[in-house]
Each structure stands twice: as structure tokens, then as C-alpha cells.
């Protein structure tokens, strides 16, 4: 994960209260030690904070990022379905890149990654917004530069548009850091935003 490698352990992220070292610890625990999270919850401990505490200096942080780059353990379900990690890694890379604010230029992903990310974004957006849009009485259309999906139908529609990366940030609750836009009739946009 190049964004983590380029960061300092204390660089801010979009994840409230987390520095780059906390984000790296989260990824390592998720992929390599998921049982630590369960055991920590039972014991009332925060394994993310504990592991992040080992990475306060450059050497400790480099070791932690090395573990991130090793990927999931062979026993992890994430090893069996690599596509499951695509959106998580794209979003976490942007969490680090945008910790101090939006970049001057959005990052361009290779086409095959954009296609895979679009699939994940479309599925997650459908789960997250379809009912909310319907409750608000509006339709919702998801638009990227190369694809379009109608997630909910209504007499008037809001349009959520951006690159797959920007859409991924938006639908994972990072709207303030996303360059995605919600457009459409004013009442449709207001109803959609109020419903979500």
C-alpha cells in the first residue's frame, strides 16, 4: 500500500482519531489477526491501539507497513476472495492521502481496478441507498465516467456522480473528503440527502 509507505506514522487520516499507524494496524489485524479483534473485545482491550503503539517511530512503522504489504494470511477468507479487499484498500489509501485535505488531483486508477471498484461501489450503494431514496420518495442514479446504474426509481431523481474512487469515499461515509457530487432537481437532492 503505497500511501501508507509514503506516510509518516503520525500523519492524519480521514478516520477520526486515527493516525497512519492506526490505519496500518487496523489493516494488519483485519487481514492477518482477526481473532485478536474478537479476543480484545471480550477483554475490553483495543488491539488496534496496542498494535499502533508499536509503530510510533520510523522503524516500527516500517515493520507494520511490511505486514500490510504481505497481504492476508493463507487462512483468511480475504485471501480466498481478493476482490473483497479492493474497495477497502482504495478507501484506506485515500484516508491517508486526504488526511490533510483533498488532493490537488484525484488519483487515476488503472482501468481494470476502476471496473472492479465500480462493481463494489454499485453493490454497496444499492445496499446503502436504495431504501433511503425510496423512503425519501426520489429515484437515485449512480454515475461514473464509464458506467451508470439506476438504484431507485421515483418521480424525480437525484444523481450521485464521480469516479469510482470518489463514489467509494462517498458511500463509505467520507462525503466531506469526496469529490463526488449529488445533482438533480433541488427537491430531489434535498429529499435524498435528508433520507440518508
Protein backbone atom coordinates (compact mmCIF):
# COMPACT_ATOMS: atom_id res chain seq x y z
CA UNK A 1 0.00 0.00 0.00
CA UNK A 2 1.99 2.92 -1.36
CA UNK A 3 0.00 5.58 0.52
CA UNK A 4 0.91 4.05 3.89
CA UNK A 5 4.53 3.57 2.82
CA UNK A 6 4.77 7.27 1.85
CA UNK A 7 3.20 8.47 5.11
CA UNK A 8 4.77 9.16 8.48
CA UNK A 9 3.32 7.23 11.44
CA UNK A 10 1.71 10.39 12.84
CA UNK A 11 0.16 11.65 9.60
CA UNK A 12 -3.57 12.33 9.99
CA UNK A 13 -6.19 10.21 8.23
CA UNK A 14 -9.88 10.61 7.46
CA UNK A 15 -10.63 8.07 10.22
CA UNK A 16 -11.39 10.15 13.30
CA UNK A 17 -8.75 9.77 15.99
CA UNK A 18 -6.51 7.58 13.83
CA UNK A 19 -3.08 8.38 12.51
CA UNK A 20 -1.43 6.47 9.66
CA UNK A 21 -0.06 3.94 12.15
CA UNK A 22 -3.57 3.19 13.47
CA UNK A 23 -4.84 2.61 9.94
CA UNK A 24 -1.93 0.27 9.20
CA UNK A 25 -2.63 -1.61 12.44
CA UNK A 26 -6.31 -1.93 11.50
CA UNK A 27 -5.44 -3.48 8.14
CA UNK A 28 -2.95 -5.91 9.68
CA UNK A 29 -5.47 -7.03 12.30
CA UNK A 30 -8.26 -7.37 9.74
CA UNK A 31 -6.18 -9.45 7.35
CA UNK A 32 -3.67 -11.28 9.47
CA UNK A 33 -5.05 -11.46 13.02
CA UNK A 34 -8.86 -11.20 13.02
CA UNK A 35 -9.03 -13.29 16.21
CA UNK A 36 -7.15 -10.50 18.04
CA UNK A 37 -10.08 -8.17 17.49
CA UNK A 38 -12.55 -10.70 18.92
CA UNK A 39 -10.34 -11.51 21.92
CA UNK A 40 -9.71 -7.80 22.53
CA UNK A 41 -13.45 -7.08 22.54
CA UNK A 42 -14.05 -9.79 25.12
CA UNK A 43 -11.22 -8.47 27.30
CA UNK A 44 -12.18 -4.83 26.84
CA UNK A 45 -8.94 -4.06 25.02
CA UNK A 46 -8.31 -2.21 21.78
CA UNK A 47 -5.87 -4.29 19.74
CA UNK A 48 -5.66 -1.56 17.09
CA UNK A 49 -4.33 0.93 19.62
CA UNK A 50 -2.00 -1.67 21.09
CA UNK A 51 -0.51 -2.60 17.71
CA UNK A 52 -0.34 1.07 16.62
CA UNK A 53 1.66 1.80 19.77
CA UNK A 54 4.45 -0.41 18.41
CA UNK A 55 4.76 1.84 15.36
CA UNK A 56 5.41 5.30 16.77
CA UNK A 57 8.89 5.54 15.28
CA UNK A 58 10.01 5.08 11.68
CA UNK A 59 11.39 1.56 12.17
CA UNK A 60 8.29 0.25 13.96
CA UNK A 61 6.02 1.85 11.39
CA UNK A 62 8.03 0.35 8.51
CA UNK A 63 7.66 -3.12 10.07
CA UNK A 64 3.90 -2.62 10.38
CA UNK A 65 3.56 -1.49 6.76
CA UNK A 66 5.63 -4.52 5.72
CA UNK A 67 2.93 -6.67 7.31
CA UNK A 68 0.24 -4.78 5.39
CA UNK A 69 2.11 -5.45 2.13
CA UNK A 70 2.32 -9.17 2.91
CA UNK A 71 -1.44 -9.32 2.44
CA UNK A 72 -3.89 -11.62 4.17
CA UNK A 73 -2.77 -14.83 5.83
CA UNK A 74 -3.49 -18.05 3.94
CA UNK A 75 -6.20 -18.88 6.46
CA UNK A 76 -8.04 -15.59 5.97
CA UNK A 77 -11.21 -15.55 3.84
CA UNK A 78 -9.79 -12.33 2.36
CA UNK A 79 -7.04 -14.43 0.79
CA UNK A 80 -9.64 -16.56 -0.97
CA UNK A 81 -11.55 -13.61 -2.47
CA UNK A 82 -9.03 -10.87 -3.33
CA UNK A 83 -11.74 -8.64 -4.83
CA UNK A 84 -13.16 -8.22 -1.32
CA UNK A 85 -10.15 -6.07 -0.45
CA UNK A 86 -10.22 -3.74 -3.46
CA UNK A 87 -12.66 -1.18 -2.12
CA UNK A 88 -11.23 -1.37 1.40
CA UNK A 89 -7.71 -0.68 0.15
CA UNK A 90 -8.72 2.10 -2.23
CA UNK A 91 -10.68 3.85 0.53
CA UNK A 92 -7.93 3.41 3.12
CA UNK A 93 -5.31 4.71 0.68
CA UNK A 94 -7.44 7.83 0.26
CA UNK A 95 -7.93 8.02 4.04
CA UNK A 96 -4.16 8.53 4.26
CA UNK A 97 -3.79 10.69 1.13
CA UNK A 98 -6.60 13.05 2.18
CA UNK A 99 -5.90 13.26 5.91
CA UNK A 100 -4.79 16.87 5.50
CA UNK A 101 -7.48 17.68 2.92
CA UNK A 102 -8.41 16.76 -0.64
CA UNK A 103 -5.51 16.25 -3.04
CA UNK A 104 -4.92 18.74 -5.84
CA UNK A 105 -5.69 15.98 -8.35
CA UNK A 106 -7.79 12.87 -7.85
CA UNK A 107 -5.85 9.65 -8.27
CA UNK A 108 -6.31 7.77 -11.53
CA UNK A 109 -6.60 4.03 -11.14
CA UNK A 110 -5.81 1.54 -13.90
CA UNK A 111 -8.90 0.63 -15.92
CA UNK A 112 -9.19 -2.93 -14.58
CA UNK A 113 -9.18 -1.61 -11.00
CA UNK A 114 -11.81 1.01 -11.88
CA UNK A 115 -14.04 -1.70 -13.34
CA UNK A 116 -13.70 -3.85 -10.21
CA UNK A 117 -14.19 -0.88 -7.93
CA UNK A 118 -17.32 0.19 -9.86
CA UNK A 119 -18.85 -3.26 -9.22
CA UNK A 120 -18.17 -2.96 -5.50
CA UNK A 121 -19.40 0.65 -5.37
CA UNK A 122 -22.60 -0.19 -7.24
CA UNK A 123 -23.38 -3.11 -4.92
CA UNK A 124 -22.65 -1.16 -1.74
CA UNK A 125 -24.52 1.94 -2.91
CA UNK A 126 -27.54 -0.20 -3.72
CA UNK A 127 -27.50 -1.73 -0.23
CA UNK A 128 -26.94 1.60 1.47
CA UNK A 129 -29.16 3.97 -0.52
CA UNK A 130 -31.93 2.12 -2.35
CA UNK A 131 -34.36 2.05 0.60
CA UNK A 132 -33.35 5.52 1.78
CA UNK A 133 -34.04 7.00 -1.65
CA UNK A 134 -37.39 5.24 -1.83
CA UNK A 135 -38.26 6.49 1.70
CA UNK A 136 -37.43 9.99 0.53
CA UNK A 137 -39.72 9.49 -2.47
CA UNK A 138 -36.95 10.01 -5.00
CA UNK A 139 -35.07 7.96 -7.53
CA UNK A 140 -31.31 7.59 -7.38
CA UNK A 141 -28.92 7.21 -10.27
CA UNK A 142 -25.26 6.34 -9.75
CA UNK A 143 -22.95 7.63 -12.49
CA UNK A 144 -19.23 7.18 -13.13
CA UNK A 145 -17.35 8.35 -16.23
CA UNK A 146 -17.86 4.94 -17.88
CA UNK A 147 -20.99 3.45 -16.27
CA UNK A 148 -24.44 4.25 -14.97
CA UNK A 149 -26.86 2.40 -12.66
CA UNK A 150 -30.40 3.21 -11.58
CA UNK A 151 -30.54 2.27 -7.90
CA UNK A 152 -34.06 3.51 -7.14
CA UNK A 153 -36.88 4.77 -9.31
CA UNK A 154 -39.02 7.74 -8.45
CA UNK A 155 -40.94 10.65 -9.98
CA UNK A 156 -37.80 12.75 -9.64
CA UNK A 157 -34.22 11.58 -9.19
CA UNK A 158 -31.01 12.60 -7.54
CA UNK A 159 -27.79 11.72 -9.35
CA UNK A 160 -24.67 10.72 -7.42
CA UNK A 161 -21.71 11.05 -9.78
CA UNK A 162 -17.96 10.78 -9.71
CA UNK A 163 -15.11 8.41 -10.44
CA UNK A 164 -15.36 5.01 -8.75
CA UNK A 165 -12.83 6.19 -6.15
CA UNK A 166 -14.82 9.33 -5.31
CA UNK A 167 -18.04 7.32 -5.17
CA UNK A 168 -16.38 4.76 -2.87
CA UNK A 169 -15.40 7.54 -0.50
CA UNK A 170 -18.92 8.98 -0.54
CA UNK A 171 -20.74 5.72 0.13
CA UNK A 172 -18.38 4.74 2.95
CA UNK A 173 -19.27 7.88 4.90
CA UNK A 174 -16.43 10.10 3.75
CA UNK A 175 -18.63 12.60 1.91
CA UNK A 176 -16.67 15.64 3.13
CA UNK A 177 -13.48 14.27 1.56
CA UNK A 178 -15.08 13.05 -1.66
CA UNK A 179 -15.19 14.94 -4.94
CA UNK A 180 -18.44 13.11 -5.89
CA UNK A 181 -21.45 15.31 -6.49
CA UNK A 182 -25.16 14.98 -5.89
CA UNK A 183 -27.15 16.77 -8.58
CA UNK A 184 -30.70 16.85 -9.87
CA UNK A 185 -33.81 18.87 -9.05
CA UNK A 186 -33.32 20.75 -5.79
CA UNK A 187 -36.19 18.97 -4.07
CA UNK A 188 -34.91 15.54 -5.17
CA UNK A 189 -31.39 16.28 -3.92
CA UNK A 190 -32.72 17.62 -0.61
CA UNK A 191 -35.02 14.62 -0.14
CA UNK A 192 -32.23 12.15 -0.90
CA UNK A 193 -29.72 13.85 1.43
CA UNK A 194 -32.33 14.05 4.20
CA UNK A 195 -33.17 10.35 3.82
CA UNK A 196 -29.58 9.09 4.04
